């Protein structure tokens, strides 16, 4: 994806983006099947938000817009921590007897 973006190859960039989002959809399907506390829609939303932020940070980096790249990286971090909390919460709900409150 980065190589296509650097080359400004819109066809390859579009294909890479489509495959990236398809992979996120596959992961969301897998995770929602593994834990009933993770809806596919919620997991897919988190994954797609993460991909959008990562794309935004990458574009800023390629444009050498360091202020935006750093700001977006902070958003990525916050969103990743939220996603980790949501996944952890689902595990705790699925196996409550293995966790003490």
C-alpha atoms as a PDB file:
ATOM      1  CA  UNK A   1       0.000   0.000   0.000  1.00  0.00           C
ATOM      2  CA  UNK A   2       2.768   2.436   0.901  1.00  0.00           C
ATOM      3  CA  UNK A   3       4.694   1.575  -2.250  1.00  0.00           C
ATOM      4  CA  UNK A   4       1.606   2.279  -4.368  1.00  0.00           C
ATOM      5  CA  UNK A   5       0.957   5.538  -2.516  1.00  0.00           C
ATOM      6  CA  UNK A   6       4.559   6.664  -2.973  1.00  0.00           C
ATOM      7  CA  UNK A   7       4.315   5.909  -6.696  1.00  0.00           C
ATOM      8  CA  UNK A   8       0.890   7.600  -6.845  1.00  0.00           C
ATOM      9  CA  UNK A   9      -0.413   4.420  -8.527  1.00  0.00           C
ATOM     10  CA  UNK A  10      -4.135   4.790  -7.860  1.00  0.00           C
ATOM     11  CA  UNK A  11      -5.048   1.387  -9.320  1.00  0.00           C
ATOM     12  CA  UNK A  12      -2.598  -0.481  -7.086  1.00  0.00           C
ATOM     13  CA  UNK A  13      -3.488   1.712  -4.131  1.00  0.00           C
ATOM     14  CA  UNK A  14      -7.173   0.967  -4.585  1.00  0.00           C
ATOM     15  CA  UNK A  15      -6.489  -2.751  -4.844  1.00  0.00           C
ATOM     16  CA  UNK A  16      -4.281  -2.739  -1.740  1.00  0.00           C
ATOM     17  CA  UNK A  17      -6.902  -0.782   0.193  1.00  0.00           C
ATOM     18  CA  UNK A  18      -9.648  -3.215  -0.884  1.00  0.00           C
ATOM     19  CA  UNK A  19      -7.559  -6.210   0.223  1.00  0.00           C
ATOM     20  CA  UNK A  20      -6.683  -4.478   3.502  1.00  0.00           C
ATOM     21  CA  UNK A  21     -10.343  -3.894   4.296  1.00  0.00           C
ATOM     22  CA  UNK A  22     -11.283  -7.416   3.199  1.00  0.00           C
ATOM     23  CA  UNK A  23      -8.683  -8.731   5.636  1.00  0.00           C
ATOM     24  CA  UNK A  24     -10.200  -6.591   8.403  1.00  0.00           C
ATOM     25  CA  UNK A  25     -13.629  -8.037   7.554  1.00  0.00           C
ATOM     26  CA  UNK A  26     -12.213 -11.577   7.729  1.00  0.00           C
ATOM     27  CA  UNK A  27     -10.664 -10.835  11.133  1.00  0.00           C
ATOM     28  CA  UNK A  28     -13.960  -9.358  12.371  1.00  0.00           C
ATOM     29  CA  UNK A  29     -15.810 -12.468  11.207  1.00  0.00           C
ATOM     30  CA  UNK A  30     -13.299 -14.748  12.934  1.00  0.00           C
ATOM     31  CA  UNK A  31     -13.295 -12.823  16.219  1.00  0.00           C
ATOM     32  CA  UNK A  32     -17.074 -12.507  16.395  1.00  0.00           C
ATOM     33  CA  UNK A  33     -17.305 -16.246  15.841  1.00  0.00           C
ATOM     34  CA  UNK A  34     -14.794 -16.904  18.619  1.00  0.00           C
ATOM     35  CA  UNK A  35     -16.535 -14.777  21.250  1.00  0.00           C
ATOM     36  CA  UNK A  36     -20.269 -14.026  21.439  1.00  0.00           C
ATOM     37  CA  UNK A  37     -19.502 -10.749  23.240  1.00  0.00           C
ATOM     38  CA  UNK A  38     -17.867  -9.290  20.134  1.00  0.00           C
ATOM     39  CA  UNK A  39     -20.400  -8.438  17.466  1.00  0.00           C
ATOM     40  CA  UNK A  40     -19.043  -8.557  13.950  1.00  0.00           C
ATOM     41  CA  UNK A  41     -20.308  -5.022  13.309  1.00  0.00           C
ATOM     42  CA  UNK A  42     -18.532  -3.619  16.379  1.00  0.00           C
ATOM     43  CA  UNK A  43     -15.263  -5.401  15.625  1.00  0.00           C
ATOM     44  CA  UNK A  44     -15.398  -4.390  11.956  1.00  0.00           C
ATOM     45  CA  UNK A  45     -16.059  -0.783  12.944  1.00  0.00           C
ATOM     46  CA  UNK A  46     -13.017  -0.793  15.248  1.00  0.00           C
ATOM     47  CA  UNK A  47     -10.848  -2.403  12.564  1.00  0.00           C
ATOM     48  CA  UNK A  48     -11.965   0.041   9.873  1.00  0.00           C
ATOM     49  CA  UNK A  49     -11.391   3.019  12.179  1.00  0.00           C
ATOM     50  CA  UNK A  50      -7.883   1.728  12.839  1.00  0.00           C
ATOM     51  CA  UNK A  51      -7.200   1.336   9.112  1.00  0.00           C
ATOM     52  CA  UNK A  52      -8.519   4.826   8.370  1.00  0.00           C
ATOM     53  CA  UNK A  53      -6.308   6.383  11.040  1.00  0.00           C
ATOM     54  CA  UNK A  54      -3.284   4.396   9.870  1.00  0.00           C
ATOM     55  CA  UNK A  55      -3.901   5.566   6.306  1.00  0.00           C
ATOM     56  CA  UNK A  56      -4.215   9.160   7.505  1.00  0.00           C
ATOM     57  CA  UNK A  57      -0.933   8.941   9.422  1.00  0.00           C
ATOM     58  CA  UNK A  58       0.838   7.327   6.482  1.00  0.00           C
ATOM     59  CA  UNK A  59      -0.347   9.992   4.060  1.00  0.00           C
ATOM     60  CA  UNK A  60       0.793  12.709   6.463  1.00  0.00           C
ATOM     61  CA  UNK A  61       4.188  11.024   6.746  1.00  0.00           C
ATOM     62  CA  UNK A  62       4.549  10.723   2.972  1.00  0.00           C
ATOM     63  CA  UNK A  63       3.732  14.435   2.689  1.00  0.00           C
ATOM     64  CA  UNK A  64       6.211  15.146   5.491  1.00  0.00           C
ATOM     65  CA  UNK A  65       3.439  16.788   7.490  1.00  0.00           C
ATOM     66  CA  UNK A  66       4.974  15.845  10.819  1.00  0.00           C
ATOM     67  CA  UNK A  67       2.455  17.741  12.955  1.00  0.00           C
ATOM     68  CA  UNK A  68      -0.465  15.828  11.445  1.00  0.00           C
ATOM     69  CA  UNK A  69       1.456  12.541  11.499  1.00  0.00           C
ATOM     70  CA  UNK A  70       2.206  12.877  15.217  1.00  0.00           C
ATOM     71  CA  UNK A  71      -1.346  13.996  16.019  1.00  0.00           C
ATOM     72  CA  UNK A  72      -2.791  11.067  14.081  1.00  0.00           C
ATOM     73  CA  UNK A  73      -0.382   8.619  15.712  1.00  0.00           C
ATOM     74  CA  UNK A  74      -1.749   9.758  19.080  1.00  0.00           C
ATOM     75  CA  UNK A  75      -5.272   9.013  17.801  1.00  0.00           C
ATOM     76  CA  UNK A  76      -4.103   5.577  16.625  1.00  0.00           C
ATOM     77  CA  UNK A  77      -2.698   4.862  20.069  1.00  0.00           C
ATOM     78  CA  UNK A  78      -5.911   5.933  21.814  1.00  0.00           C
ATOM     79  CA  UNK A  79      -8.044   3.913  19.404  1.00  0.00           C
ATOM     80  CA  UNK A  80      -5.814   0.829  19.793  1.00  0.00           C
ATOM     81  CA  UNK A  81      -6.135   1.065  23.587  1.00  0.00           C
ATOM     82  CA  UNK A  82      -9.930   1.321  23.230  1.00  0.00           C
ATOM     83  CA  UNK A  83      -9.909  -1.730  20.958  1.00  0.00           C
ATOM     84  CA  UNK A  84      -7.744  -3.648  23.443  1.00  0.00           C
ATOM     85  CA  UNK A  85     -10.166  -2.739  26.241  1.00  0.00           C
ATOM     86  CA  UNK A  86     -13.155  -3.907  24.187  1.00  0.00           C
ATOM     87  CA  UNK A  87     -11.476  -7.213  23.342  1.00  0.00           C
ATOM     88  CA  UNK A  88     -10.353  -7.741  26.941  1.00  0.00           C
ATOM     89  CA  UNK A  89     -13.854  -6.978  28.177  1.00  0.00           C
ATOM     90  CA  UNK A  90     -15.247  -9.611  25.821  1.00  0.00           C
ATOM     91  CA  UNK A  91     -12.806 -12.223  27.111  1.00  0.00           C
ATOM     92  CA  UNK A  92     -13.651 -11.388  30.722  1.00  0.00           C
ATOM     93  CA  UNK A  93     -17.379 -11.681  29.964  1.00  0.00           C
ATOM     94  CA  UNK A  94     -16.868 -14.974  28.145  1.00  0.00           C
ATOM     95  CA  UNK A  95     -14.844 -16.485  30.998  1.00  0.00           C
ATOM     96  CA  UNK A  96     -15.963 -14.654  34.164  1.00  0.00           C
ATOM     97  CA  UNK A  97     -14.923 -17.502  36.451  1.00  0.00           C
ATOM     98  CA  UNK A  98     -11.306 -17.036  35.388  1.00  0.00           C
ATOM     99  CA  UNK A  99     -11.168 -13.376  36.394  1.00  0.00           C
ATOM    100  CA  UNK A 100     -11.622 -11.784  39.799  1.00  0.00           C
ATOM    101  CA  UNK A 101     -13.109  -8.336  40.099  1.00  0.00           C
END
